[in-house]
Amino acid sequence: MAKGGQTPPEPVSPGSDEVRAAWARKDAGDVAGARRDARRILAQAPSAEDRERAEDLLRATASPRALYAFALLGAVILAILLGLALTRYS
């Protein structure tokens, strides 16, 4: 336990420096860059541990499928309302 004024050491995450850099990039807010790094790591035939961490990163940053369904629903509703407005006022 750290005493007053001391910071505990950061736990070392498993994986190579590239994998840790990709996760740090994700934590900093650059999700697209982190996904690009993870795909590049997977393309290089990494070790089993690096492969698992890169796949975890891709899963953690993937857009949920429900998001696309709601976007499609919103577009359909907007198109219907626009069509109704055009038929009403033309």
PDB file of N, CA and C in Angstrom:
ATOM      1  N   MET A   1       0.840  -1.178   0.000  1.00  0.00           N
ATOM      2  CA  MET A   1       0.000   0.000   0.000  1.00  0.00           C
ATOM      3  C   MET A   1       0.883   1.237   0.000  1.00  0.00           C
ATOM      4  N   ALA A   2       0.499   2.220  -0.756  1.00  0.00           N
ATOM      5  CA  ALA A   2       1.285   3.440  -0.848  1.00  0.00           C
ATOM      6  C   ALA A   2       1.044   4.318   0.361  1.00  0.00           C
ATOM      7  N   LYS A   3       2.102   4.944   0.814  1.00  0.00           N
ATOM      8  CA  LYS A   3       1.979   5.874   1.935  1.00  0.00           C
ATOM      9  C   LYS A   3       1.648   7.247   1.387  1.00  0.00           C
ATOM     10  N   GLY A   4       1.381   8.179   2.252  1.00  0.00           N
ATOM     11  CA  GLY A   4       0.994   9.516   1.837  1.00  0.00           C
ATOM     12  C   GLY A   4       1.968  10.134   0.857  1.00  0.00           C
ATOM     13  N   GLY A   5       1.472  10.615  -0.267  1.00  0.00           N
ATOM     14  CA  GLY A   5       2.294  11.270  -1.270  1.00  0.00           C
ATOM     15  C   GLY A   5       2.914  10.337  -2.285  1.00  0.00           C
ATOM     16  N   GLN A   6       2.791   9.027  -2.077  1.00  0.00           N
ATOM     17  CA  GLN A   6       3.348   8.073  -3.019  1.00  0.00           C
ATOM     18  C   GLN A   6       2.241   7.513  -3.900  1.00  0.00           C
ATOM     19  N   THR A   7       2.580   7.264  -5.132  1.00  0.00           N
ATOM     20  CA  THR A   7       1.609   6.643  -6.027  1.00  0.00           C
ATOM     21  C   THR A   7       1.981   5.183  -6.208  1.00  0.00           C
ATOM     22  N   PRO A   8       0.997   4.298  -6.182  1.00  0.00           N
ATOM     23  CA  PRO A   8       1.311   2.884  -6.387  1.00  0.00           C
ATOM     24  C   PRO A   8       1.761   2.655  -7.820  1.00  0.00           C
ATOM     25  N   PRO A   9       2.606   1.674  -8.047  1.00  0.00           N
ATOM     26  CA  PRO A   9       3.048   1.400  -9.412  1.00  0.00           C
ATOM     27  C   PRO A   9       1.883   0.923 -10.266  1.00  0.00           C
ATOM     28  N   GLU A  10       1.916   1.315 -11.522  1.00  0.00           N
ATOM     29  CA  GLU A  10       0.871   0.904 -12.461  1.00  0.00           C
ATOM     30  C   GLU A  10       0.992  -0.587 -12.730  1.00  0.00           C
ATOM     31  N   PRO A  11      -0.124  -1.314 -12.726  1.00  0.00           N
ATOM     32  CA  PRO A  11      -0.029  -2.729 -13.063  1.00  0.00           C
ATOM     33  C   PRO A  11       0.328  -2.889 -14.533  1.00  0.00           C
ATOM     34  N   VAL A  12       1.200  -3.810 -14.807  1.00  0.00           N
ATOM     35  CA  VAL A  12       1.638  -4.051 -16.179  1.00  0.00           C
ATOM     36  C   VAL A  12       0.627  -4.965 -16.855  1.00  0.00           C
ATOM     37  N   SER A  13       0.049  -4.473 -17.937  1.00  0.00           N
ATOM     38  CA  SER A  13      -0.920  -5.295 -18.654  1.00  0.00           C
ATOM     39  C   SER A  13      -0.172  -6.284 -19.541  1.00  0.00           C
ATOM     40  N   PRO A  14      -0.747  -7.453 -19.747  1.00  0.00           N
ATOM     41  CA  PRO A  14      -0.072  -8.447 -20.582  1.00  0.00           C
ATOM     42  C   PRO A  14      -0.050  -8.019 -22.041  1.00  0.00           C
ATOM     43  N   GLY A  15       0.868  -8.571 -22.764  1.00  0.00           N
ATOM     44  CA  GLY A  15       0.955  -8.298 -24.193  1.00  0.00           C
ATOM     45  C   GLY A  15       2.195  -7.504 -24.536  1.00  0.00           C
ATOM     46  N   SER A  16       2.424  -7.381 -25.816  1.00  0.00           N
ATOM     47  CA  SER A  16       3.600  -6.666 -26.298  1.00  0.00           C
ATOM     48  C   SER A  16       3.377  -5.158 -26.178  1.00  0.00           C
ATOM     49  N   ASP A  17       4.423  -4.421 -26.492  1.00  0.00           N
ATOM     50  CA  ASP A  17       4.327  -2.961 -26.443  1.00  0.00           C
ATOM     51  C   ASP A  17       3.306  -2.439 -27.446  1.00  0.00           C
ATOM     52  N   GLU A  18       3.205  -3.079 -28.609  1.00  0.00           N
ATOM     53  CA  GLU A  18       2.241  -2.640 -29.624  1.00  0.00           C
ATOM     54  C   GLU A  18       0.810  -2.782 -29.126  1.00  0.00           C
ATOM     55  N   VAL A  19       0.522  -3.896 -28.445  1.00  0.00           N
ATOM     56  CA  VAL A  19      -0.835  -4.128 -27.934  1.00  0.00           C
ATOM     57  C   VAL A  19      -1.146  -3.126 -26.831  1.00  0.00           C
ATOM     58  N   ARG A  20      -0.188  -2.904 -25.947  1.00  0.00           N
ATOM     59  CA  ARG A  20      -0.417  -1.932 -24.877  1.00  0.00           C
ATOM     60  C   ARG A  20      -0.602  -0.536 -25.456  1.00  0.00           C
ATOM     61  N   ALA A  21       0.143  -0.206 -26.516  1.00  0.00           N
ATOM     62  CA  ALA A  21      -0.011   1.102 -27.161  1.00  0.00           C
ATOM     63  C   ALA A  21      -1.393   1.239 -27.792  1.00  0.00           C
ATOM     64  N   ALA A  22      -1.898   0.165 -28.390  1.00  0.00           N
ATOM     65  CA  ALA A  22      -3.241   0.203 -28.997  1.00  0.00           C
ATOM     66  C   ALA A  22      -4.305   0.412 -27.926  1.00  0.00           C
ATOM     67  N   TRP A  23      -4.182  -0.286 -26.799  1.00  0.00           N
ATOM     68  CA  TRP A  23      -5.145  -0.102 -25.708  1.00  0.00           C
ATOM     69  C   TRP A  23      -5.036   1.303 -25.117  1.00  0.00           C
ATOM     70  N   ALA A  24      -3.821   1.828 -25.006  1.00  0.00           N
ATOM     71  CA  ALA A  24      -3.648   3.188 -24.494  1.00  0.00           C
ATOM     72  C   ALA A  24      -4.282   4.192 -25.442  1.00  0.00           C
ATOM     73  N   ARG A  25      -4.183   3.930 -26.735  1.00  0.00           N
ATOM     74  CA  ARG A  25      -4.802   4.799 -27.729  1.00  0.00           C
ATOM     75  C   ARG A  25      -6.314   4.796 -27.578  1.00  0.00           C
ATOM     76  N   LYS A  26      -6.882   3.609 -27.329  1.00  0.00           N
ATOM     77  CA  LYS A  26      -8.328   3.504 -27.105  1.00  0.00           C
ATOM     78  C   LYS A  26      -8.729   4.261 -25.844  1.00  0.00           C
ATOM     79  N   ASP A  27      -7.948   4.100 -24.775  1.00  0.00           N
ATOM     80  CA  ASP A  27      -8.254   4.789 -23.523  1.00  0.00           C
ATOM     81  C   ASP A  27      -8.134   6.302 -23.658  1.00  0.00           C
ATOM     82  N   ALA A  28      -7.285   6.756 -24.572  1.00  0.00           N
ATOM     83  CA  ALA A  28      -7.120   8.190 -24.798  1.00  0.00           C
ATOM     84  C   ALA A  28      -8.247   8.760 -25.662  1.00  0.00           C
ATOM     85  N   GLY A  29      -9.052   7.886 -26.283  1.00  0.00           N
ATOM     86  CA  GLY A  29     -10.194   8.344 -27.059  1.00  0.00           C
ATOM     87  C   GLY A  29     -10.071   8.144 -28.556  1.00  0.00           C
ATOM     88  N   ASP A  30      -8.950   7.646 -29.026  1.00  0.00           N
ATOM     89  CA  ASP A  30      -8.758   7.422 -30.464  1.00  0.00           C
ATOM     90  C   ASP A  30      -9.170   5.989 -30.807  1.00  0.00           C
ATOM     91  N   VAL A  31     -10.460   5.755 -30.892  1.00  0.00           N
ATOM     92  CA  VAL A  31     -10.978   4.408 -31.117  1.00  0.00           C
ATOM     93  C   VAL A  31     -10.645   3.915 -32.523  1.00  0.00           C
ATOM     94  N   ALA A  32     -10.774   4.782 -33.500  1.00  0.00           N
ATOM     95  CA  ALA A  32     -10.476   4.371 -34.885  1.00  0.00           C
ATOM     96  C   ALA A  32      -9.006   3.987 -35.025  1.00  0.00           C
ATOM     97  N   GLY A  33      -8.127   4.752 -34.428  1.00  0.00           N
ATOM     98  CA  GLY A  33      -6.705   4.439 -34.472  1.00  0.00           C
ATOM     99  C   GLY A  33      -6.388   3.149 -33.746  1.00  0.00           C
ATOM    100  N   ALA A  34      -7.061   2.922 -32.617  1.00  0.00           N
ATOM    101  CA  ALA A  34      -6.845   1.686 -31.853  1.00  0.00           C
ATOM    102  C   ALA A  34      -7.310   0.479 -32.654  1.00  0.00           C
ATOM    103  N   ARG A  35      -8.440   0.605 -33.330  1.00  0.00           N
ATOM    104  CA  ARG A  35      -8.923  -0.509 -34.160  1.00  0.00           C
ATOM    105  C   ARG A  35      -7.969  -0.772 -35.316  1.00  0.00           C
ATOM    106  N   ARG A  36      -7.449   0.287 -35.916  1.00  0.00           N
ATOM    107  CA  ARG A  36      -6.493   0.136 -37.009  1.00  0.00           C
ATOM    108  C   ARG A  36      -5.227  -0.575 -36.516  1.00  0.00           C
ATOM    109  N   ASP A  37      -4.747  -0.185 -35.331  1.00  0.00           N
ATOM    110  CA  ASP A  37      -3.569  -0.839 -34.753  1.00  0.00           C
ATOM    111  C   ASP A  37      -3.841  -2.313 -34.458  1.00  0.00           C
ATOM    112  N   ALA A  38      -5.027  -2.613 -33.928  1.00  0.00           N
ATOM    113  CA  ALA A  38      -5.362  -4.006 -33.603  1.00  0.00           C
ATOM    114  C   ALA A  38      -5.424  -4.862 -34.866  1.00  0.00           C
ATOM    115  N   ARG A  39      -5.998  -4.315 -35.944  1.00  0.00           N
ATOM    116  CA  ARG A  39      -6.035  -5.069 -37.206  1.00  0.00           C
ATOM    117  C   ARG A  39      -4.637  -5.292 -37.759  1.00  0.00           C
ATOM    118  N   ARG A  40      -3.772  -4.287 -37.612  1.00  0.00           N
ATOM    119  CA  ARG A  40      -2.388  -4.428 -38.078  1.00  0.00           C
ATOM    120  C   ARG A  40      -1.656  -5.483 -37.255  1.00  0.00           C
ATOM    121  N   ILE A  41      -1.905  -5.524 -35.953  1.00  0.00           N
ATOM    122  CA  ILE A  41      -1.277  -6.527 -35.090  1.00  0.00           C
ATOM    123  C   ILE A  41      -1.740  -7.923 -35.489  1.00  0.00           C
ATOM    124  N   LEU A  42      -3.024  -8.084 -35.762  1.00  0.00           N
ATOM    125  CA  LEU A  42      -3.547  -9.394 -36.150  1.00  0.00           C
ATOM    126  C   LEU A  42      -3.009  -9.833 -37.508  1.00  0.00           C
ATOM    127  N   ALA A  43      -2.720  -8.899 -38.374  1.00  0.00           N
ATOM    128  CA  ALA A  43      -2.196  -9.239 -39.702  1.00  0.00           C
ATOM    129  C   ALA A  43      -0.746  -9.702 -39.645  1.00  0.00           C
ATOM    130  N   GLN A  44      -0.042  -9.427 -38.551  1.00  0.00           N
ATOM    131  CA  GLN A  44       1.377  -9.760 -38.440  1.00  0.00           C
ATOM    132  C   GLN A  44       1.627 -11.129 -37.818  1.00  0.00           C
ATOM    133  N   ALA A  45       0.638 -11.982 -37.679  1.00  0.00           N
ATOM    134  CA  ALA A  45       0.764 -13.297 -37.050  1.00  0.00           C
ATOM    135  C   ALA A  45       1.368 -13.172 -35.655  1.00  0.00           C
ATOM    136  N   PRO A  46       0.618 -12.569 -34.711  1.00  0.00           N
ATOM    137  CA  PRO A  46       1.147 -12.330 -33.366  1.00  0.00           C
ATOM    138  C   PRO A  46       1.134 -13.590 -32.513  1.00  0.00           C
ATOM    139  N   SER A  47       1.694 -13.469 -31.316  1.00  0.00           N
ATOM    140  CA  SER A  47       1.635 -14.569 -30.358  1.00  0.00           C
ATOM    141  C   SER A  47       0.182 -14.760 -29.921  1.00  0.00           C
ATOM    142  N   ALA A  48      -0.089 -15.866 -29.253  1.00  0.00           N
ATOM    143  CA  ALA A  48      -1.464 -16.167 -28.832  1.00  0.00           C
ATOM    144  C   ALA A  48      -1.991 -15.096 -27.877  1.00  0.00           C
ATOM    145  N   GLU A  49      -1.145 -14.627 -26.991  1.00  0.00           N
ATOM    146  CA  GLU A  49      -1.562 -13.613 -26.020  1.00  0.00           C
ATOM    147  C   GLU A  49      -1.865 -12.284 -26.715  1.00  0.00           C
ATOM    148  N   ASP A  50      -0.999 -11.886 -27.651  1.00  0.00           N
ATOM    149  CA  ASP A  50      -1.235 -10.647 -28.384  1.00  0.00           C
ATOM    150  C   ASP A  50      -2.477 -10.758 -29.253  1.00  0.00           C
ATOM    151  N   ARG A  51      -2.687 -11.931 -29.865  1.00  0.00           N
ATOM    152  CA  ARG A  51      -3.882 -12.132 -30.683  1.00  0.00           C
ATOM    153  C   ARG A  51      -5.139 -11.981 -29.829  1.00  0.00           C
ATOM    154  N   GLU A  52      -5.134 -12.573 -28.658  1.00  0.00           N
ATOM    155  CA  GLU A  52      -6.304 -12.493 -27.777  1.00  0.00           C
ATOM    156  C   GLU A  52      -6.574 -11.053 -27.354  1.00  0.00           C
ATOM    157  N   ARG A  53      -5.524 -10.317 -26.982  1.00  0.00           N
ATOM    158  CA  ARG A  53      -5.690  -8.929 -26.551  1.00  0.00           C
ATOM    159  C   ARG A  53      -6.160  -8.045 -27.715  1.00  0.00           C
ATOM    160  N   ALA A  54      -5.653  -8.281 -28.928  1.00  0.00           N
ATOM    161  CA  ALA A  54      -6.071  -7.497 -30.092  1.00  0.00           C
ATOM    162  C   ALA A  54      -7.529  -7.793 -30.435  1.00  0.00           C
ATOM    163  N   GLU A  55      -7.926  -9.062 -30.355  1.00  0.00           N
ATOM    164  CA  GLU A  55      -9.328  -9.404 -30.614  1.00  0.00           C
ATOM    165  C   GLU A  55     -10.238  -8.813 -29.543  1.00  0.00           C
ATOM    166  N   ASP A  56      -9.773  -8.795 -28.296  1.00  0.00           N
ATOM    167  CA  ASP A  56     -10.547  -8.154 -27.227  1.00  0.00           C
ATOM    168  C   ASP A  56     -10.730  -6.666 -27.518  1.00  0.00           C
ATOM    169  N   LEU A  57      -9.685  -6.032 -28.016  1.00  0.00           N
ATOM    170  CA  LEU A  57      -9.763  -4.616 -28.348  1.00  0.00           C
ATOM    171  C   LEU A  57     -10.769  -4.373 -29.464  1.00  0.00           C
ATOM    172  N   LEU A  58     -10.751  -5.222 -30.479  1.00  0.00           N
ATOM    173  CA  LEU A  58     -11.721  -5.071 -31.568  1.00  0.00           C
ATOM    174  C   LEU A  58     -13.148  -5.279 -31.076  1.00  0.00           C
ATOM    175  N   ARG A  59     -13.349  -6.267 -30.194  1.00  0.00           N
ATOM    176  CA  ARG A  59     -14.684  -6.493 -29.633  1.00  0.00           C
ATOM    177  C   ARG A  59     -15.127  -5.321 -28.762  1.00  0.00           C
ATOM    178  N   ALA A  60     -14.203  -4.758 -27.997  1.00  0.00           N
ATOM    179  CA  ALA A  60     -14.548  -3.668 -27.083  1.00  0.00           C
ATOM    180  C   ALA A  60     -14.887  -2.377 -27.818  1.00  0.00           C
ATOM    181  N   THR A  61     -14.391  -2.223 -29.026  1.00  0.00           N
ATOM    182  CA  THR A  61     -14.615  -0.974 -29.758  1.00  0.00           C
ATOM    183  C   THR A  61     -15.605  -1.122 -30.903  1.00  0.00           C
ATOM    184  N   ALA A  62     -16.234  -2.270 -31.032  1.00  0.00           N
ATOM    185  CA  ALA A  62     -17.194  -2.487 -32.118  1.00  0.00           C
ATOM    186  C   ALA A  62     -18.502  -1.744 -31.823  1.00  0.00           C
ATOM    187  N   SER A  63     -19.122  -1.248 -32.867  1.00  0.00           N
ATOM    188  CA  SER A  63     -20.418  -0.589 -32.714  1.00  0.00           C
ATOM    189  C   SER A  63     -21.489  -1.647 -32.518  1.00  0.00           C
ATOM    190  N   PRO A  64     -22.403  -1.438 -31.580  1.00  0.00           N
ATOM    191  CA  PRO A  64     -23.470  -2.424 -31.375  1.00  0.00           C
ATOM    192  C   PRO A  64     -24.413  -2.479 -32.581  1.00  0.00           C
ATOM    193  N   ARG A  65     -24.886  -3.668 -32.904  1.00  0.00           N
ATOM    194  CA  ARG A  65     -25.779  -3.851 -34.052  1.00  0.00           C
ATOM    195  C   ARG A  65     -27.087  -3.082 -33.874  1.00  0.00           C
ATOM    196  N   ALA A  66     -27.546  -2.956 -32.635  1.00  0.00           N
ATOM    197  CA  ALA A  66     -28.800  -2.248 -32.385  1.00  0.00           C
ATOM    198  C   ALA A  66     -28.709  -0.785 -32.813  1.00  0.00           C
ATOM    199  N   LEU A  67     -27.525  -0.220 -32.767  1.00  0.00           N
ATOM    200  CA  LEU A  67     -27.331   1.166 -33.179  1.00  0.00           C
ATOM    201  C   LEU A  67     -27.708   1.347 -34.642  1.00  0.00           C
ATOM    202  N   TYR A  68     -27.312   0.397 -35.485  1.00  0.00           N
ATOM    203  CA  TYR A  68     -27.651   0.480 -36.910  1.00  0.00           C
ATOM    204  C   TYR A  68     -29.148   0.304 -37.124  1.00  0.00           C
ATOM    205  N   ALA A  69     -29.784  -0.543 -36.340  1.00  0.00           N
ATOM    206  CA  ALA A  69     -31.232  -0.742 -36.461  1.00  0.00           C
ATOM    207  C   ALA A  69     -31.980   0.542 -36.093  1.00  0.00           C
ATOM    208  N   PHE A  70     -31.545   1.207 -35.023  1.00  0.00           N
ATOM    209  CA  PHE A  70     -32.202   2.458 -34.631  1.00  0.00           C
ATOM    210  C   PHE A  70     -31.965   3.554 -35.665  1.00  0.00           C
ATOM    211  N   ALA A  71     -30.782   3.594 -36.254  1.00  0.00           N
ATOM    212  CA  ALA A  71     -30.501   4.588 -37.290  1.00  0.00           C
ATOM    213  C   ALA A  71     -31.384   4.338 -38.514  1.00  0.00           C
ATOM    214  N   LEU A  72     -31.540   3.085 -38.887  1.00  0.00           N
ATOM    215  CA  LEU A  72     -32.405   2.748 -40.018  1.00  0.00           C
ATOM    216  C   LEU A  72     -33.859   3.107 -39.710  1.00  0.00           C
ATOM    217  N   LEU A  73     -34.313   2.811 -38.512  1.00  0.00           N
ATOM    218  CA  LEU A  73     -35.670   3.156 -38.109  1.00  0.00           C
ATOM    219  C   LEU A  73     -35.885   4.667 -38.160  1.00  0.00           C
ATOM    220  N   GLY A  74     -34.912   5.429 -37.687  1.00  0.00           N
ATOM    221  CA  GLY A  74     -35.007   6.887 -37.735  1.00  0.00           C
ATOM    222  C   GLY A  74     -35.069   7.410 -39.160  1.00  0.00           C
ATOM    223  N   ALA A  75     -34.274   6.822 -40.050  1.00  0.00           N
ATOM    224  CA  ALA A  75     -34.288   7.241 -41.447  1.00  0.00           C
ATOM    225  C   ALA A  75     -35.632   6.937 -42.099  1.00  0.00           C
ATOM    226  N   VAL A  76     -36.210   5.783 -41.782  1.00  0.00           N
ATOM    227  CA  VAL A  76     -37.513   5.416 -42.342  1.00  0.00           C
ATOM    228  C   VAL A  76     -38.592   6.372 -41.841  1.00  0.00           C
ATOM    229  N   ILE A  77     -38.572   6.671 -40.552  1.00  0.00           N
ATOM    230  CA  ILE A  77     -39.569   7.602 -39.991  1.00  0.00           C
ATOM    231  C   ILE A  77     -39.409   8.985 -40.622  1.00  0.00           C
ATOM    232  N   LEU A  78     -38.182   9.440 -40.776  1.00  0.00           N
ATOM    233  CA  LEU A  78     -37.943  10.740 -41.400  1.00  0.00           C
ATOM    234  C   LEU A  78     -38.457  10.755 -42.837  1.00  0.00           C
ATOM    235  N   ALA A  79     -38.222   9.684 -43.587  1.00  0.00           N
ATOM    236  CA  ALA A  79     -38.695   9.610 -44.965  1.00  0.00           C
ATOM    237  C   ALA A  79     -40.225   9.628 -45.019  1.00  0.00           C
ATOM    238  N   ILE A  80     -40.863   8.925 -44.101  1.00  0.00           N
ATOM    239  CA  ILE A  80     -42.333   8.914 -44.061  1.00  0.00           C
ATOM    240  C   ILE A  80     -42.871  10.299 -43.751  1.00  0.00           C
ATOM    241  N   LEU A  81     -42.286  10.956 -42.755  1.00  0.00           N
ATOM    242  CA  LEU A  81     -42.750  12.309 -42.402  1.00  0.00           C
ATOM    243  C   LEU A  81     -42.513  13.293 -43.537  1.00  0.00           C
ATOM    244  N   LEU A  82     -41.391  13.169 -44.203  1.00  0.00           N
ATOM    245  CA  LEU A  82     -41.111  14.041 -45.338  1.00  0.00           C
ATOM    246  C   LEU A  82     -42.110  13.786 -46.466  1.00  0.00           C
ATOM    247  N   GLY A  83     -42.391  12.518 -46.722  1.00  0.00           N
ATOM    248  CA  GLY A  83     -43.396  12.193 -47.746  1.00  0.00           C
ATOM    249  C   GLY A  83     -44.769  12.726 -47.398  1.00  0.00           C
ATOM    250  N   LEU A  84     -45.166  12.607 -46.132  1.00  0.00           N
ATOM    251  CA  LEU A  84     -46.455  13.146 -45.718  1.00  0.00           C
ATOM    252  C   LEU A  84     -46.505  14.666 -45.846  1.00  0.00           C
ATOM    253  N   ALA A  85     -45.415  15.338 -45.491  1.00  0.00           N
ATOM    254  CA  ALA A  85     -45.380  16.790 -45.603  1.00  0.00           C
ATOM    255  C   ALA A  85     -45.455  17.222 -47.074  1.00  0.00           C
ATOM    256  N   LEU A  86     -44.755  16.506 -47.939  1.00  0.00           N
ATOM    257  CA  LEU A  86     -44.786  16.854 -49.358  1.00  0.00           C
ATOM    258  C   LEU A  86     -46.176  16.637 -49.962  1.00  0.00           C
ATOM    259  N   THR A  87     -46.851  15.573 -49.581  1.00  0.00           N
ATOM    260  CA  THR A  87     -48.196  15.336 -50.123  1.00  0.00           C
ATOM    261  C   THR A  87     -49.210  16.314 -49.527  1.00  0.00           C
ATOM    262  N   ARG A  88     -49.001  16.740 -48.327  1.00  0.00           N
ATOM    263  CA  ARG A  88     -49.941  17.659 -47.676  1.00  0.00           C
ATOM    264  C   ARG A  88     -49.827  19.069 -48.241  1.00  0.00           C
ATOM    265  N   TYR A  89     -48.619  19.526 -48.482  1.00  0.00           N
ATOM    266  CA  TYR A  89     -48.407  20.919 -48.873  1.00  0.00           C
ATOM    267  C   TYR A  89     -48.097  21.087 -50.365  1.00  0.00           C
ATOM    268  N   SER A  90     -48.321  20.086 -51.179  1.00  0.00           N
ATOM    269  CA  SER A  90     -48.055  20.282 -52.608  1.00  0.00           C
ATOM    270  C   SER A  90     -49.333  20.297 -53.410  1.00  0.00           C
TER     271      SER A  90
END
